[in-house]
Amino acid sequence: MKKLNKFEDKKFNIIVGQANNYNEIDNIKEKYEIGTERKQDIIEQELENIKTNWNNLLSTVTVKTPLESLNIMMNGWLVYQTLSSRIYGKTGYYQSGGAYGFRDQLQDTIGMKFIDSNLLKEMILNCARHQFIEGDVLHWWHNETKKGIRTKFSDDFLWLVYATIEYIRFENDYSILDEKIEYLKGDLLQEDEEEKYNIYYGGNEKETLFEHCIRAIKNAVNKGIEPFPKIGIGDWNDGFSSIGNKGKGQSVWMATFLYDILNRFIPICKLKEREDLVKEYEEYKEILRRNVNTKGWDGRWFKRAITDNDEEIGSINSDECRIDSLVQSWSVMSDIGDNDKKFIAMEEAENYLVDKENKIIKLFDPPFEKSIVNPGYIKAYPPGIRENGGQYTHASCWLLIAECILGFGDKAEELIEILNPINHSRNKEEAKTFKLEPYILEADLYSNEDLIGRGGWNWYTGSSSWFYKAILEYVLGLKIEEGYLRIEPCISKRWKEYEIKYKYKTSIYNIKVRNTAERNTGVSKFILNGEEINEKKVLLQDNCKIYNIEIFM
C-alpha cells in the first residue's frame, strides 16, 4: 500500500460480512470490488442504506424530558447498544462468545418490544427449542454447532414464561401459545453433576408453547418451594454458585420471581380453561406469599437466600451481604410483600445501598471478604468489584422500577441521575475515573474504595435493555397492554411536562404529558385529538394516521 502524501485524501472501503459458501463470497466481492466509479457509488449507497435502517429503528420511540442527558440515552444509544451488542452481535469487549444466553437474550428482547416485538417473539420460540422435556434448559448455546451447556441454574427456564407473558400482554397475541415446538433431548444431570457441556439435538417430542411454560413452572415447583424455591448452582446471580449446589439451598428472590410469574400466568390458564392449573398455582402463590412475609422477613428487610447448611444470606445477622437489593426490589415488583414491609424494605435499601455522593447503587452490602460463608465464585472478586458488592446496573434498574411502582417520582429521578453514564463523565476528572464511553450503560460500577466510580464491563450487558424499559414504561409510563395504550407516569414533581413520540406500525402517536399540578403520579385527563377519553386509554390503530394525545396529571 502506498503512503499518503502530505494533505492527500484517500478513501478506504472495508467490507465485513458472512456467507454460506465461496460462491456467495465471490458474488459479494464482484458486487463491491473497487475499480470503477459505479462500484464506489454502490458501496456508498449501501452505507446510506445501513444508516437509514438504523435511523428508522432508533426513531421508533423518541422522548423529550427535562433531563437532556436522559434524552440522549433514550433517543438512540440504549437501543443501539442493546440491538448491536446484545441481540445482533451477541458480543462485546469483555465477552466475545457469540452464544445465546437463555435468560439474557429473553430479557434483552423484552426491553426492545417497543422497537420490534418480533424480536421478542422469535427469541421466545428460539429459547423454547432449547428446553428439555423435564422443564430445564440450556444456560447458553450456539445455534450453528448445537453445542450448549445444561445446568442446575434455578431461574433460567422461568424467564421463558416471563417473556411469553410480556409478549402476549403487549401484542394481545395469544396465538403464540399454540405454536408447537420440539424439546431438546439429552441425559439428565446426575446428582453430582452441576452442568454438562455437550451437543444437544432436537427430539421428536413436540408440545405447544403453553405446555412448555407449564413444564418450566413444574420444574421449579417439583424441586420444592417450602419455605422457598431451590437455588441450585445460582439464581439470577450466577456468582451464588455454592449456596445450593448440594440441592438444599433456597432463594428468597426466586420466591418473589415465581410469585410474579404465577400471578400473571393464572389469567392465561383461565383463558385456556385449565382450572386445575389455576387452583394449583393459586395454592403455590399463597405458600410463597406466606413464607416470604414470615420466614423471609428479617425485621427491616427481606432475606436473600439460605445455604445448604442453613446459613442465612442477606440477613441483619449476616457479617457480609447483610442486605441485597434484588429481593427488596422484587418484593415490590411482584407485589408479594405485605404493604408495610415493601415500604420499609425499600427505605432500608436506599439507606444502605444508594451512595449518592459517589453515584453508585450497590447490589448488596457489605461485600464478601472474610466471613466463613462460601456463597460461590462471587467471593473470588475483590470487595466492591462486579457482583461482589459493586453496582450491578441490571439490578439497579429493578430498584428504579420498584421506586416507580411505589409512586416515588422524586427518588426515581435521583436514581436516573446516578445510573446515567453521561453523569459519570461530566468533566475530565470524572471521565478519568469512569474510564468508559459516557454514552454506553455499563454492566457494573466499582464501589471498592481504591477504584470507586470506575466502570467495569461495557457494551455487552443486559442493563441497557432494562434501563430503557424502566424509563419508558415506569417513569414515563408508556403502557401498552392488550391492544390499548395508556400513560401511568411516575416523575419528579419538578417536571412540568414531557413528550413521547411512538410509531406504532403505520401510525404515529404524539403524546404530551403536562404536570402543572406538580404531582409524582396520577392522570386526571386523557385527551385524544381534542376529545376527552374517560377510560384514559386508547385502542391502538394501524391506519396511517397521526394521533395527538394530551395527558394532564
Foldseek 3Di string as FASTA:
>chain_A
DDDDDPPDDDDDDDDDDDDDDVVVVVVVCVQQPDDDPVSVVVSVVVVVVVVVVLQLLLVQKAKFFPDVLVRLQNSHLLLCLLCVDVPVQVDDPVGRPSKDAQLQQLLSLLLCCLRPVVSNLVSLQVQLQQAALLLFGFRIDHPVQQKTKTFFAQARSLSSLVSVLSSCFQVVDPCQQADKHFYKDDDDADLLDGMDIDRIDTDPDIGGSVSSNVSNLCSQPVLPQVQHTARALHYPPNQLRQQQVNSQKHFLLRLLVSLLSLVSCLVVCVVVVVVVSNVVSVVSNVSSLVSQAPVQDAPQAGWTMAGPVRDTACDCPDPWQVHFLSSLLSCQVSVSYDPVNNVRHLVVQCVAAQDLVLLWGWRGPFFDEDDPDDSHNSNVDPTQPQNRGWHQLQSLLSSLLSCLSVLNAVVSVSNVCSQQLLNQPVDDVSCVLQVDDNNWRARTAGCPPVNHGYGDHTSHHSNSSSNNCSCVCRAQNFDRTSQKTARWHFHALPIQKMWMWRDDALEIETEIEGNPVSGRTDWDWKAKPRRTDPVRMDGDDNDNYYIYIYTYD
